[in-house]
């Protein structure tokens, strides 16, 4: 099984890198089941599979994209490959699209219809598309092709379950500190409820998002111990942070393709209070594992109801729907189906 990912971030990532975490989980899970897994990736990766470092380091560079596409083609012609699974740019598959090898293109973000159309046409039935949610798959199905929704997942053993937290446990915002992620709304909710808020995640150092941080986030973090910004966190720090939180706030201002941090919070037993956009209702069960909201005012009201949510129910829900075993099972079954279909010519 040859898996590809974009070259910028190592697998697994040190800090930011939701897609790379998914790839790491899948690659390790498949290898643990006895599959020979090869991974085309950033040279600093240390996933416990056969690593093939990329020559090009930037997916937005035409030169690097051509280098990496050639490298994939060369590897396929030098090593036995039964299936190719791409989490990176579809362009990397261009040299091998016409080969009679089943190929999976997985989308973790909104789908570009044009690339789906040309990829599907060139592959002549050997290419299958997956998306991380039914919502995300819906953005691609209109472009044609064969689509399957397979959720993102989390390795449950890495997330310690916290069955209870103190009454004064903080709210947490975890993600890129950008306007569309809604940290400013999380601050508003914290101020109106009187709850402490810890903000964790990468911030921009220049451009409009840097201005956003300086004008709408930083002023609340300077002299106010109620609101704290702690910067990016490691996986260990993230688990501790989520596990000690009263709830994760997820006040997004865009149509979220999945939102892996919500599943990570549930794995720790932490409820999620989120805006009902994109794939959010596929992750959060309203009134059972958190609350779906349409405004900051809804979030304020939901925060008062957090004690009614069973943290054990949050954990079990994640285990049943988003555990690594569940997700690896689904991909493994897809591989079997596509290999049989391509081998028998039933394209």
C-alpha atoms as a PDB file:
ATOM      1  CA  UNK A   1       0.000   0.000   0.000  1.00  0.00           C
ATOM      2  CA  UNK A   2       1.577   3.277  -1.130  1.00  0.00           C
ATOM      3  CA  UNK A   3       0.286   6.332   0.762  1.00  0.00           C
ATOM      4  CA  UNK A   4       1.115   9.889  -0.270  1.00  0.00           C
ATOM      5  CA  UNK A   5       0.711  13.192   1.552  1.00  0.00           C
ATOM      6  CA  UNK A   6       1.776  16.775   0.833  1.00  0.00           C
ATOM      7  CA  UNK A   7       5.474  17.450   1.542  1.00  0.00           C
ATOM      8  CA  UNK A   8       5.402  20.436   3.894  1.00  0.00           C
ATOM      9  CA  UNK A   9       4.723  18.770   7.266  1.00  0.00           C
ATOM     10  CA  UNK A  10       6.337  15.625   8.773  1.00  0.00           C
ATOM     11  CA  UNK A  11       4.287  12.518   9.550  1.00  0.00           C
ATOM     12  CA  UNK A  12       3.422  12.591  12.383  1.00  0.00           C
ATOM     13  CA  UNK A  13       3.480  16.386  12.843  1.00  0.00           C
ATOM     14  CA  UNK A  14       5.159  18.119  15.759  1.00  0.00           C
ATOM     15  CA  UNK A  15       2.391  20.704  16.215  1.00  0.00           C
ATOM     16  CA  UNK A  16      -0.125  21.680  13.515  1.00  0.00           C
ATOM     17  CA  UNK A  17      -1.016  19.037  10.942  1.00  0.00           C
ATOM     18  CA  UNK A  18      -4.442  17.399  11.097  1.00  0.00           C
ATOM     19  CA  UNK A  19      -4.068  15.544   7.789  1.00  0.00           C
ATOM     20  CA  UNK A  20      -0.632  14.269   8.749  1.00  0.00           C
ATOM     21  CA  UNK A  21      -2.048  12.871  12.008  1.00  0.00           C
ATOM     22  CA  UNK A  22      -4.701  10.991  10.067  1.00  0.00           C
ATOM     23  CA  UNK A  23      -2.083   9.592   7.689  1.00  0.00           C
ATOM     24  CA  UNK A  24       0.132   8.531  10.597  1.00  0.00           C
ATOM     25  CA  UNK A  25      -2.780   6.783  12.310  1.00  0.00           C
ATOM     26  CA  UNK A  26      -3.784   4.974   9.111  1.00  0.00           C
ATOM     27  CA  UNK A  27      -0.243   3.968   8.121  1.00  0.00           C
ATOM     28  CA  UNK A  28       0.559   2.581  11.575  1.00  0.00           C
ATOM     29  CA  UNK A  29      -2.797   0.825  11.796  1.00  0.00           C
ATOM     30  CA  UNK A  30      -2.346  -0.874   8.435  1.00  0.00           C
ATOM     31  CA  UNK A  31       1.240  -1.885   9.253  1.00  0.00           C
ATOM     32  CA  UNK A  32       0.082  -3.374  12.566  1.00  0.00           C
ATOM     33  CA  UNK A  33      -2.270  -5.609  10.578  1.00  0.00           C
ATOM     34  CA  UNK A  34       0.587  -6.968   8.502  1.00  0.00           C
ATOM     35  CA  UNK A  35       0.335  -4.764   5.422  1.00  0.00           C
ATOM     36  CA  UNK A  36       3.487  -3.517   3.695  1.00  0.00           C
ATOM     37  CA  UNK A  37       2.967   0.253   3.912  1.00  0.00           C
ATOM     38  CA  UNK A  38       5.112   2.705   1.959  1.00  0.00           C
ATOM     39  CA  UNK A  39       4.764   6.436   2.666  1.00  0.00           C
ATOM     40  CA  UNK A  40       5.836   9.273   0.358  1.00  0.00           C
ATOM     41  CA  UNK A  41       6.306  12.171   2.746  1.00  0.00           C
ATOM     42  CA  UNK A  42       8.362  14.978   4.268  1.00  0.00           C
ATOM     43  CA  UNK A  43      11.995  13.870   4.888  1.00  0.00           C
ATOM     44  CA  UNK A  44      11.684  14.600   8.633  1.00  0.00           C
ATOM     45  CA  UNK A  45       8.881  12.065   9.070  1.00  0.00           C
ATOM     46  CA  UNK A  46       9.342   9.186  11.499  1.00  0.00           C
ATOM     47  CA  UNK A  47       6.187   7.110  11.045  1.00  0.00           C
ATOM     48  CA  UNK A  48       6.938   3.431  11.696  1.00  0.00           C
ATOM     49  CA  UNK A  49       6.544   2.325   8.061  1.00  0.00           C
ATOM     50  CA  UNK A  50       8.716   2.268   4.908  1.00  0.00           C
ATOM     51  CA  UNK A  51       9.405   5.994   4.369  1.00  0.00           C
ATOM     52  CA  UNK A  52      10.146   7.467   0.940  1.00  0.00           C
ATOM     53  CA  UNK A  53      11.234  11.115   1.384  1.00  0.00           C
ATOM     54  CA  UNK A  54      10.035  13.654  -1.167  1.00  0.00           C
ATOM     55  CA  UNK A  55      12.535  15.536  -3.324  1.00  0.00           C
ATOM     56  CA  UNK A  56      10.325  18.648  -3.521  1.00  0.00           C
ATOM     57  CA  UNK A  57       9.317  20.494  -0.355  1.00  0.00           C
ATOM     58  CA  UNK A  58       6.469  22.763  -1.512  1.00  0.00           C
ATOM     59  CA  UNK A  59       3.117  21.676  -2.890  1.00  0.00           C
ATOM     60  CA  UNK A  60       2.474  25.200  -4.246  1.00  0.00           C
ATOM     61  CA  UNK A  61       5.603  25.009  -6.426  1.00  0.00           C
ATOM     62  CA  UNK A  62       5.118  23.674  -9.956  1.00  0.00           C
ATOM     63  CA  UNK A  63       8.724  22.465 -10.039  1.00  0.00           C
ATOM     64  CA  UNK A  64       8.387  20.598  -6.732  1.00  0.00           C
ATOM     65  CA  UNK A  65       5.040  19.133  -7.774  1.00  0.00           C
ATOM     66  CA  UNK A  66       6.614  17.772 -10.961  1.00  0.00           C
ATOM     67  CA  UNK A  67       9.551  16.370  -8.980  1.00  0.00           C
ATOM     68  CA  UNK A  68       7.248  14.631  -6.520  1.00  0.00           C
ATOM     69  CA  UNK A  69       4.951  13.297  -9.250  1.00  0.00           C
ATOM     70  CA  UNK A  70       7.983  11.843 -11.037  1.00  0.00           C
ATOM     71  CA  UNK A  71       9.202  10.341  -7.766  1.00  0.00           C
ATOM     72  CA  UNK A  72       5.846   8.623  -7.240  1.00  0.00           C
ATOM     73  CA  UNK A  73       5.928   7.290 -10.827  1.00  0.00           C
ATOM     74  CA  UNK A  74       9.492   6.025 -10.355  1.00  0.00           C
ATOM     75  CA  UNK A  75       8.624   4.311  -7.060  1.00  0.00           C
ATOM     76  CA  UNK A  76       5.605   2.561  -8.588  1.00  0.00           C
ATOM     77  CA  UNK A  77       7.800   1.194 -11.372  1.00  0.00           C
ATOM     78  CA  UNK A  78      10.541   0.017  -8.989  1.00  0.00           C
ATOM     79  CA  UNK A  79       8.497  -1.414  -6.098  1.00  0.00           C
ATOM     80  CA  UNK A  80       5.449  -3.711  -6.078  1.00  0.00           C
ATOM     81  CA  UNK A  81       2.372  -1.586  -5.342  1.00  0.00           C
ATOM     82  CA  UNK A  82      -1.135  -3.034  -5.017  1.00  0.00           C
ATOM     83  CA  UNK A  83      -2.941   0.225  -4.269  1.00  0.00           C
ATOM     84  CA  UNK A  84      -2.088   3.927  -4.177  1.00  0.00           C
ATOM     85  CA  UNK A  85      -3.779   6.113  -1.570  1.00  0.00           C
ATOM     86  CA  UNK A  86      -3.227   9.857  -1.914  1.00  0.00           C
ATOM     87  CA  UNK A  87      -3.881  12.368   0.858  1.00  0.00           C
ATOM     88  CA  UNK A  88      -1.857  14.953  -1.072  1.00  0.00           C
ATOM     89  CA  UNK A  89      -2.310  16.818  -4.325  1.00  0.00           C
ATOM     90  CA  UNK A  90      -4.143  14.885  -7.020  1.00  0.00           C
ATOM     91  CA  UNK A  91      -1.489  16.228  -9.414  1.00  0.00           C
ATOM     92  CA  UNK A  92       1.043  13.810  -7.886  1.00  0.00           C
ATOM     93  CA  UNK A  93      -1.001  10.940  -9.334  1.00  0.00           C
ATOM     94  CA  UNK A  94      -0.957  12.324 -12.870  1.00  0.00           C
ATOM     95  CA  UNK A  95       1.834  10.038 -14.209  1.00  0.00           C
ATOM     96  CA  UNK A  96       0.159   6.895 -12.833  1.00  0.00           C
ATOM     97  CA  UNK A  97      -3.528   7.629 -13.399  1.00  0.00           C
ATOM     98  CA  UNK A  98      -3.741   5.397 -16.476  1.00  0.00           C
ATOM     99  CA  UNK A  99      -1.953   2.465 -14.849  1.00  0.00           C
ATOM    100  CA  UNK A 100      -4.252  -0.486 -13.953  1.00  0.00           C
ATOM    101  CA  UNK A 101      -3.618   0.019 -10.234  1.00  0.00           C
ATOM    102  CA  UNK A 102      -6.526   1.026  -7.969  1.00  0.00           C
ATOM    103  CA  UNK A 103      -6.082   4.551  -6.656  1.00  0.00           C
ATOM    104  CA  UNK A 104      -7.790   6.377  -3.788  1.00  0.00           C
ATOM    105  CA  UNK A 105      -7.818  10.179  -3.572  1.00  0.00           C
ATOM    106  CA  UNK A 106      -8.833  11.345  -0.085  1.00  0.00           C
ATOM    107  CA  UNK A 107     -10.084  14.868   0.579  1.00  0.00           C
ATOM    108  CA  UNK A 108      -9.815  16.469   3.996  1.00  0.00           C
ATOM    109  CA  UNK A 109     -10.990  19.851   2.738  1.00  0.00           C
ATOM    110  CA  UNK A 110     -13.443  21.305   0.239  1.00  0.00           C
ATOM    111  CA  UNK A 111     -13.224  19.664  -3.162  1.00  0.00           C
ATOM    112  CA  UNK A 112     -12.087  21.333  -6.391  1.00  0.00           C
ATOM    113  CA  UNK A 113     -14.525  20.138  -9.045  1.00  0.00           C
ATOM    114  CA  UNK A 114     -12.154  20.678 -11.962  1.00  0.00           C
ATOM    115  CA  UNK A 115      -9.428  18.410 -10.553  1.00  0.00           C
ATOM    116  CA  UNK A 116     -11.993  15.703  -9.765  1.00  0.00           C
ATOM    117  CA  UNK A 117     -13.316  15.841 -13.312  1.00  0.00           C
ATOM    118  CA  UNK A 118      -9.950  15.554 -15.054  1.00  0.00           C
ATOM    119  CA  UNK A 119      -8.661  12.949 -12.601  1.00  0.00           C
ATOM    120  CA  UNK A 120     -11.742  10.808 -13.043  1.00  0.00           C
ATOM    121  CA  UNK A 121     -11.535  11.098 -16.832  1.00  0.00           C
ATOM    122  CA  UNK A 122      -7.845  10.192 -17.057  1.00  0.00           C
ATOM    123  CA  UNK A 123      -8.023   7.304 -14.571  1.00  0.00           C
ATOM    124  CA  UNK A 124     -10.604   5.395 -16.635  1.00  0.00           C
ATOM    125  CA  UNK A 125     -12.367   3.883 -13.639  1.00  0.00           C
ATOM    126  CA  UNK A 126      -9.335   3.101 -11.456  1.00  0.00           C
ATOM    127  CA  UNK A 127      -9.738   6.179  -9.218  1.00  0.00           C
ATOM    128  CA  UNK A 128     -12.029   6.369  -6.182  1.00  0.00           C
ATOM    129  CA  UNK A 129     -12.603   9.499  -4.118  1.00  0.00           C
ATOM    130  CA  UNK A 130     -13.120   9.609  -0.365  1.00  0.00           C
ATOM    131  CA  UNK A 131     -13.985  12.545   1.854  1.00  0.00           C
ATOM    132  CA  UNK A 132     -13.737  12.961   5.606  1.00  0.00           C
ATOM    133  CA  UNK A 133     -17.478  13.567   6.036  1.00  0.00           C
ATOM    134  CA  UNK A 134     -20.761  13.298   4.176  1.00  0.00           C
ATOM    135  CA  UNK A 135     -20.777  17.086   4.017  1.00  0.00           C
ATOM    136  CA  UNK A 136     -17.355  17.150   2.363  1.00  0.00           C
ATOM    137  CA  UNK A 137     -18.265  14.322  -0.017  1.00  0.00           C
ATOM    138  CA  UNK A 138     -21.318  16.330  -1.008  1.00  0.00           C
ATOM    139  CA  UNK A 139     -19.083  19.140  -2.231  1.00  0.00           C
ATOM    140  CA  UNK A 140     -17.441  16.703  -4.658  1.00  0.00           C
ATOM    141  CA  UNK A 141     -20.169  14.343  -5.843  1.00  0.00           C
ATOM    142  CA  UNK A 142     -21.587  16.884  -8.297  1.00  0.00           C
ATOM    143  CA  UNK A 143     -18.250  16.749 -10.171  1.00  0.00           C
ATOM    144  CA  UNK A 144     -18.722  13.041 -10.855  1.00  0.00           C
ATOM    145  CA  UNK A 145     -16.731   9.975  -9.924  1.00  0.00           C
ATOM    146  CA  UNK A 146     -17.128   7.300  -7.271  1.00  0.00           C
ATOM    147  CA  UNK A 147     -17.367   8.764  -3.727  1.00  0.00           C
ATOM    148  CA  UNK A 148     -17.254   7.309  -0.208  1.00  0.00           C
ATOM    149  CA  UNK A 149     -17.363   9.215   3.083  1.00  0.00           C
ATOM    150  CA  UNK A 150     -14.900   7.885   5.678  1.00  0.00           C
ATOM    151  CA  UNK A 151     -14.574   9.933   8.854  1.00  0.00           C
ATOM    152  CA  UNK A 152     -11.305  11.009  10.336  1.00  0.00           C
ATOM    153  CA  UNK A 153     -10.271   9.159  13.464  1.00  0.00           C
ATOM    154  CA  UNK A 154      -8.134   9.313  16.571  1.00  0.00           C
ATOM    155  CA  UNK A 155      -5.842   6.730  18.209  1.00  0.00           C
ATOM    156  CA  UNK A 156      -7.818   6.326  21.437  1.00  0.00           C
ATOM    157  CA  UNK A 157      -4.827   5.102  23.467  1.00  0.00           C
ATOM    158  CA  UNK A 158      -3.182   8.512  23.092  1.00  0.00           C
ATOM    159  CA  UNK A 159      -6.115  10.325  24.700  1.00  0.00           C
ATOM    160  CA  UNK A 160      -6.545   9.757  28.412  1.00  0.00           C
ATOM    161  CA  UNK A 161     -10.173   9.739  29.549  1.00  0.00           C
ATOM    162  CA  UNK A 162     -11.049  12.327  32.212  1.00  0.00           C
ATOM    163  CA  UNK A 163     -14.286  11.153  33.877  1.00  0.00           C
ATOM    164  CA  UNK A 164     -14.732  14.437  35.739  1.00  0.00           C
ATOM    165  CA  UNK A 165     -13.288  17.934  36.021  1.00  0.00           C
ATOM    166  CA  UNK A 166     -13.547  20.592  38.758  1.00  0.00           C
ATOM    167  CA  UNK A 167     -16.424  23.088  38.662  1.00  0.00           C
ATOM    168  CA  UNK A 168     -13.976  25.847  37.762  1.00  0.00           C
ATOM    169  CA  UNK A 169     -12.466  23.913  34.843  1.00  0.00           C
ATOM    170  CA  UNK A 170     -11.754  26.221  31.897  1.00  0.00           C
ATOM    171  CA  UNK A 171     -13.243  26.330  28.458  1.00  0.00           C
ATOM    172  CA  UNK A 172     -10.724  25.609  25.693  1.00  0.00           C
ATOM    173  CA  UNK A 173     -10.281  26.878  22.146  1.00  0.00           C
ATOM    174  CA  UNK A 174      -7.796  24.756  20.194  1.00  0.00           C
ATOM    175  CA  UNK A 175      -6.878  25.438  16.582  1.00  0.00           C
ATOM    176  CA  UNK A 176      -5.328  27.993  14.274  1.00  0.00           C
ATOM    177  CA  UNK A 177      -6.026  31.426  15.712  1.00  0.00           C
ATOM    178  CA  UNK A 178      -7.673  32.827  12.587  1.00  0.00           C
ATOM    179  CA  UNK A 179     -10.949  34.623  12.085  1.00  0.00           C
ATOM    180  CA  UNK A 180     -12.726  31.699  10.432  1.00  0.00           C
ATOM    181  CA  UNK A 181     -11.889  29.514  13.445  1.00  0.00           C
ATOM    182  CA  UNK A 182     -13.705  31.945  15.746  1.00  0.00           C
ATOM    183  CA  UNK A 183     -11.354  32.559  18.685  1.00  0.00           C
ATOM    184  CA  UNK A 184     -12.898  36.039  19.082  1.00  0.00           C
ATOM    185  CA  UNK A 185     -16.311  34.435  19.574  1.00  0.00           C
ATOM    186  CA  UNK A 186     -14.860  32.027  22.137  1.00  0.00           C
ATOM    187  CA  UNK A 187     -13.571  35.070  24.048  1.00  0.00           C
ATOM    188  CA  UNK A 188     -17.019  36.675  23.910  1.00  0.00           C
ATOM    189  CA  UNK A 189     -18.626  33.507  25.286  1.00  0.00           C
ATOM    190  CA  UNK A 190     -16.065  33.245  28.086  1.00  0.00           C
ATOM    191  CA  UNK A 191     -16.535  36.870  29.110  1.00  0.00           C
ATOM    192  CA  UNK A 192     -20.320  36.566  29.160  1.00  0.00           C
ATOM    193  CA  UNK A 193     -20.285  33.334  31.167  1.00  0.00           C
ATOM    194  CA  UNK A 194     -17.468  34.322  33.520  1.00  0.00           C
ATOM    195  CA  UNK A 195     -15.589  31.129  32.655  1.00  0.00           C
ATOM    196  CA  UNK A 196     -11.853  30.955  32.132  1.00  0.00           C
ATOM    197  CA  UNK A 197     -10.739  30.382  28.550  1.00  0.00           C
ATOM    198  CA  UNK A 198      -7.465  28.879  27.349  1.00  0.00           C
ATOM    199  CA  UNK A 199      -6.629  29.537  23.691  1.00  0.00           C
ATOM    200  CA  UNK A 200      -4.061  27.210  22.109  1.00  0.00           C
ATOM    201  CA  UNK A 201      -2.837  27.039  18.540  1.00  0.00           C
ATOM    202  CA  UNK A 202      -0.674  28.592  15.885  1.00  0.00           C
ATOM    203  CA  UNK A 203      -0.996  32.294  15.093  1.00  0.00           C
ATOM    204  CA  UNK A 204       0.052  34.196  11.978  1.00  0.00           C
ATOM    205  CA  UNK A 205       3.119  36.442  12.171  1.00  0.00           C
ATOM    206  CA  UNK A 206       2.157  38.660   9.240  1.00  0.00           C
ATOM    207  CA  UNK A 207      -0.753  39.661   7.044  1.00  0.00           C
ATOM    208  CA  UNK A 208      -4.467  40.064   7.866  1.00  0.00           C
ATOM    209  CA  UNK A 209      -4.525  37.151  10.329  1.00  0.00           C
ATOM    210  CA  UNK A 210      -1.654  38.696  12.307  1.00  0.00           C
ATOM    211  CA  UNK A 211      -3.657  41.948  12.447  1.00  0.00           C
ATOM    212  CA  UNK A 212      -6.678  39.952  13.593  1.00  0.00           C
ATOM    213  CA  UNK A 213      -4.709  38.423  16.456  1.00  0.00           C
ATOM    214  CA  UNK A 214      -3.259  41.749  17.580  1.00  0.00           C
ATOM    215  CA  UNK A 215      -6.574  43.610  17.456  1.00  0.00           C
ATOM    216  CA  UNK A 216      -9.132  41.025  18.616  1.00  0.00           C
ATOM    217  CA  UNK A 217      -7.272  38.379  20.620  1.00  0.00           C
ATOM    218  CA  UNK A 218      -4.127  39.824  22.214  1.00  0.00           C
ATOM    219  CA  UNK A 219      -5.844  42.706  24.093  1.00  0.00           C
ATOM    220  CA  UNK A 220      -7.885  40.184  26.088  1.00  0.00           C
ATOM    221  CA  UNK A 221      -4.823  38.103  26.982  1.00  0.00           C
ATOM    222  CA  UNK A 222      -2.494  40.841  28.252  1.00  0.00           C
ATOM    223  CA  UNK A 223      -3.834  41.824  31.660  1.00  0.00           C
ATOM    224  CA  UNK A 224      -6.756  39.477  32.070  1.00  0.00           C
ATOM    225  CA  UNK A 225      -6.113  36.131  33.738  1.00  0.00           C
ATOM    226  CA  UNK A 226      -9.563  34.990  32.597  1.00  0.00           C
ATOM    227  CA  UNK A 227      -8.345  34.684  28.987  1.00  0.00           C
ATOM    228  CA  UNK A 228      -4.986  33.001  28.310  1.00  0.00           C
ATOM    229  CA  UNK A 229      -3.189  32.355  25.019  1.00  0.00           C
ATOM    230  CA  UNK A 230      -0.552  29.613  25.351  1.00  0.00           C
ATOM    231  CA  UNK A 231       0.550  29.210  21.720  1.00  0.00           C
ATOM    232  CA  UNK A 232       0.894  25.903  19.859  1.00  0.00           C
ATOM    233  CA  UNK A 233       0.891  22.701  21.907  1.00  0.00           C
ATOM    234  CA  UNK A 234       2.423  19.253  21.476  1.00  0.00           C
ATOM    235  CA  UNK A 235       0.264  16.132  21.353  1.00  0.00           C
ATOM    236  CA  UNK A 236       0.942  15.426  25.031  1.00  0.00           C
ATOM    237  CA  UNK A 237       0.080  18.996  26.019  1.00  0.00           C
ATOM    238  CA  UNK A 238      -3.041  18.868  23.862  1.00  0.00           C
ATOM    239  CA  UNK A 239      -4.309  15.749  25.591  1.00  0.00           C
ATOM    240  CA  UNK A 240      -3.761  17.298  29.021  1.00  0.00           C
ATOM    241  CA  UNK A 241      -5.437  20.522  27.912  1.00  0.00           C
ATOM    242  CA  UNK A 242      -8.518  18.870  26.438  1.00  0.00           C
ATOM    243  CA  UNK A 243      -8.868  16.400  29.286  1.00  0.00           C
ATOM    244  CA  UNK A 244      -8.881  19.168  31.900  1.00  0.00           C
ATOM    245  CA  UNK A 245     -11.422  21.339  30.049  1.00  0.00           C
ATOM    246  CA  UNK A 246     -15.074  21.796  30.908  1.00  0.00           C
ATOM    247  CA  UNK A 247     -15.774  21.956  27.174  1.00  0.00           C
ATOM    248  CA  UNK A 248     -14.192  22.646  23.814  1.00  0.00           C
ATOM    249  CA  UNK A 249     -15.549  25.744  22.078  1.00  0.00           C
ATOM    250  CA  UNK A 250     -15.725  25.431  18.292  1.00  0.00           C
ATOM    251  CA  UNK A 251     -17.299  28.687  17.015  1.00  0.00           C
ATOM    252  CA  UNK A 252     -16.261  28.361  13.372  1.00  0.00           C
ATOM    253  CA  UNK A 253     -17.150  30.904  10.688  1.00  0.00           C
ATOM    254  CA  UNK A 254     -16.848  28.515   7.746  1.00  0.00           C
ATOM    255  CA  UNK A 255     -18.228  25.190   6.563  1.00  0.00           C
ATOM    256  CA  UNK A 256     -15.974  22.770   8.450  1.00  0.00           C
ATOM    257  CA  UNK A 257     -15.045  19.627   6.432  1.00  0.00           C
ATOM    258  CA  UNK A 258     -14.640  17.578   9.643  1.00  0.00           C
ATOM    259  CA  UNK A 259     -12.874  19.184  12.620  1.00  0.00           C
ATOM    260  CA  UNK A 260     -10.578  16.538  14.114  1.00  0.00           C
ATOM    261  CA  UNK A 261     -10.140  18.534  17.327  1.00  0.00           C
ATOM    262  CA  UNK A 262     -13.784  17.816  18.151  1.00  0.00           C
ATOM    263  CA  UNK A 263     -13.161  14.064  17.983  1.00  0.00           C
ATOM    264  CA  UNK A 264      -9.994  14.528  20.064  1.00  0.00           C
ATOM    265  CA  UNK A 265     -11.987  16.365  22.730  1.00  0.00           C
ATOM    266  CA  UNK A 266     -14.633  13.629  22.805  1.00  0.00           C
ATOM    267  CA  UNK A 267     -11.883  11.021  23.179  1.00  0.00           C
ATOM    268  CA  UNK A 268     -10.869  12.765  26.411  1.00  0.00           C
ATOM    269  CA  UNK A 269     -14.490  12.833  27.570  1.00  0.00           C
ATOM    270  CA  UNK A 270     -14.816  16.553  26.943  1.00  0.00           C
ATOM    271  CA  UNK A 271     -18.103  17.893  25.504  1.00  0.00           C
ATOM    272  CA  UNK A 272     -18.052  20.129  22.429  1.00  0.00           C
ATOM    273  CA  UNK A 273     -20.009  23.363  22.067  1.00  0.00           C
ATOM    274  CA  UNK A 274     -19.932  24.241  18.370  1.00  0.00           C
ATOM    275  CA  UNK A 275     -21.592  26.227  15.638  1.00  0.00           C
ATOM    276  CA  UNK A 276     -23.783  23.988  13.500  1.00  0.00           C
ATOM    277  CA  UNK A 277     -21.920  24.333  10.209  1.00  0.00           C
ATOM    278  CA  UNK A 278     -20.438  21.929   7.676  1.00  0.00           C
ATOM    279  CA  UNK A 279     -19.727  18.481   9.124  1.00  0.00           C
ATOM    280  CA  UNK A 280     -20.121  19.527  12.768  1.00  0.00           C
ATOM    281  CA  UNK A 281     -23.468  17.680  13.253  1.00  0.00           C
ATOM    282  CA  UNK A 282     -21.780  14.490  12.002  1.00  0.00           C
ATOM    283  CA  UNK A 283     -19.378  14.687  14.953  1.00  0.00           C
ATOM    284  CA  UNK A 284     -21.387  16.260  17.781  1.00  0.00           C
ATOM    285  CA  UNK A 285     -24.710  14.780  18.919  1.00  0.00           C
ATOM    286  CA  UNK A 286     -26.763  17.689  20.254  1.00  0.00           C
ATOM    287  CA  UNK A 287     -27.592  17.242  23.927  1.00  0.00           C
ATOM    288  CA  UNK A 288     -25.615  13.987  24.133  1.00  0.00           C
ATOM    289  CA  UNK A 289     -21.952  14.786  23.420  1.00  0.00           C
ATOM    290  CA  UNK A 290     -22.272  18.557  23.316  1.00  0.00           C
ATOM    291  CA  UNK A 291     -24.407  21.311  21.855  1.00  0.00           C
ATOM    292  CA  UNK A 292     -24.989  22.619  18.332  1.00  0.00           C
ATOM    293  CA  UNK A 293     -25.409  26.384  18.292  1.00  0.00           C
ATOM    294  CA  UNK A 294     -26.283  29.087  15.773  1.00  0.00           C
ATOM    295  CA  UNK A 295     -24.958  32.153  17.614  1.00  0.00           C
ATOM    296  CA  UNK A 296     -22.697  33.314  20.431  1.00  0.00           C
ATOM    297  CA  UNK A 297     -25.808  33.759  22.551  1.00  0.00           C
ATOM    298  CA  UNK A 298     -26.690  30.093  21.974  1.00  0.00           C
ATOM    299  CA  UNK A 299     -23.182  29.169  23.091  1.00  0.00           C
ATOM    300  CA  UNK A 300     -23.516  31.204  26.269  1.00  0.00           C
ATOM    301  CA  UNK A 301     -26.727  29.329  27.097  1.00  0.00           C
ATOM    302  CA  UNK A 302     -25.122  25.987  26.209  1.00  0.00           C
ATOM    303  CA  UNK A 303     -22.171  26.546  28.554  1.00  0.00           C
ATOM    304  CA  UNK A 304     -24.563  26.532  31.508  1.00  0.00           C
ATOM    305  CA  UNK A 305     -25.818  23.092  30.418  1.00  0.00           C
ATOM    306  CA  UNK A 306     -22.383  21.458  30.120  1.00  0.00           C
ATOM    307  CA  UNK A 307     -22.676  19.606  33.481  1.00  0.00           C
ATOM    308  CA  UNK A 308     -25.644  17.695  32.030  1.00  0.00           C
ATOM    309  CA  UNK A 309     -23.415  16.008  29.445  1.00  0.00           C
ATOM    310  CA  UNK A 310     -21.960  12.613  30.391  1.00  0.00           C
ATOM    311  CA  UNK A 311     -18.217  12.617  29.820  1.00  0.00           C
ATOM    312  CA  UNK A 312     -18.315   8.812  29.579  1.00  0.00           C
ATOM    313  CA  UNK A 313     -20.879   9.116  26.792  1.00  0.00           C
ATOM    314  CA  UNK A 314     -18.513  11.468  24.946  1.00  0.00           C
ATOM    315  CA  UNK A 315     -15.679   8.949  25.197  1.00  0.00           C
ATOM    316  CA  UNK A 316     -17.815   5.982  24.124  1.00  0.00           C
ATOM    317  CA  UNK A 317     -19.265   7.912  21.199  1.00  0.00           C
ATOM    318  CA  UNK A 318     -15.773   8.679  19.936  1.00  0.00           C
ATOM    319  CA  UNK A 319     -14.636   5.094  20.404  1.00  0.00           C
ATOM    320  CA  UNK A 320     -17.611   3.704  18.486  1.00  0.00           C
ATOM    321  CA  UNK A 321     -17.401   6.124  15.551  1.00  0.00           C
ATOM    322  CA  UNK A 322     -13.920   7.639  15.310  1.00  0.00           C
ATOM    323  CA  UNK A 323     -11.425   5.207  16.842  1.00  0.00           C
ATOM    324  CA  UNK A 324      -8.407   4.194  14.772  1.00  0.00           C
ATOM    325  CA  UNK A 325      -9.681   0.612  14.476  1.00  0.00           C
ATOM    326  CA  UNK A 326     -13.001   1.763  13.033  1.00  0.00           C
ATOM    327  CA  UNK A 327     -11.361   4.022  10.457  1.00  0.00           C
ATOM    328  CA  UNK A 328      -8.645   1.521   9.463  1.00  0.00           C
ATOM    329  CA  UNK A 329     -11.361  -1.129   9.030  1.00  0.00           C
ATOM    330  CA  UNK A 330     -13.237   1.107   6.615  1.00  0.00           C
ATOM    331  CA  UNK A 331     -10.192   1.921   4.496  1.00  0.00           C
ATOM    332  CA  UNK A 332      -9.071  -1.708   4.496  1.00  0.00           C
ATOM    333  CA  UNK A 333     -12.469  -2.804   3.211  1.00  0.00           C
ATOM    334  CA  UNK A 334     -12.392  -0.087   0.545  1.00  0.00           C
ATOM    335  CA  UNK A 335      -8.966  -1.301  -0.594  1.00  0.00           C
ATOM    336  CA  UNK A 336     -10.265  -4.872  -0.923  1.00  0.00           C
ATOM    337  CA  UNK A 337     -13.305  -3.787  -2.906  1.00  0.00           C
ATOM    338  CA  UNK A 338     -11.359  -1.573  -5.292  1.00  0.00           C
ATOM    339  CA  UNK A 339      -8.617  -4.164  -5.884  1.00  0.00           C
ATOM    340  CA  UNK A 340     -11.230  -6.783  -6.727  1.00  0.00           C
ATOM    341  CA  UNK A 341     -13.102  -4.400  -9.017  1.00  0.00           C
ATOM    342  CA  UNK A 342     -10.008  -3.278 -10.934  1.00  0.00           C
ATOM    343  CA  UNK A 343      -8.595  -6.811 -11.133  1.00  0.00           C
ATOM    344  CA  UNK A 344     -11.830  -8.160 -12.589  1.00  0.00           C
ATOM    345  CA  UNK A 345     -12.258  -5.214 -14.939  1.00  0.00           C
ATOM    346  CA  UNK A 346     -15.576  -4.154 -13.379  1.00  0.00           C
ATOM    347  CA  UNK A 347     -14.729  -0.450 -13.539  1.00  0.00           C
END
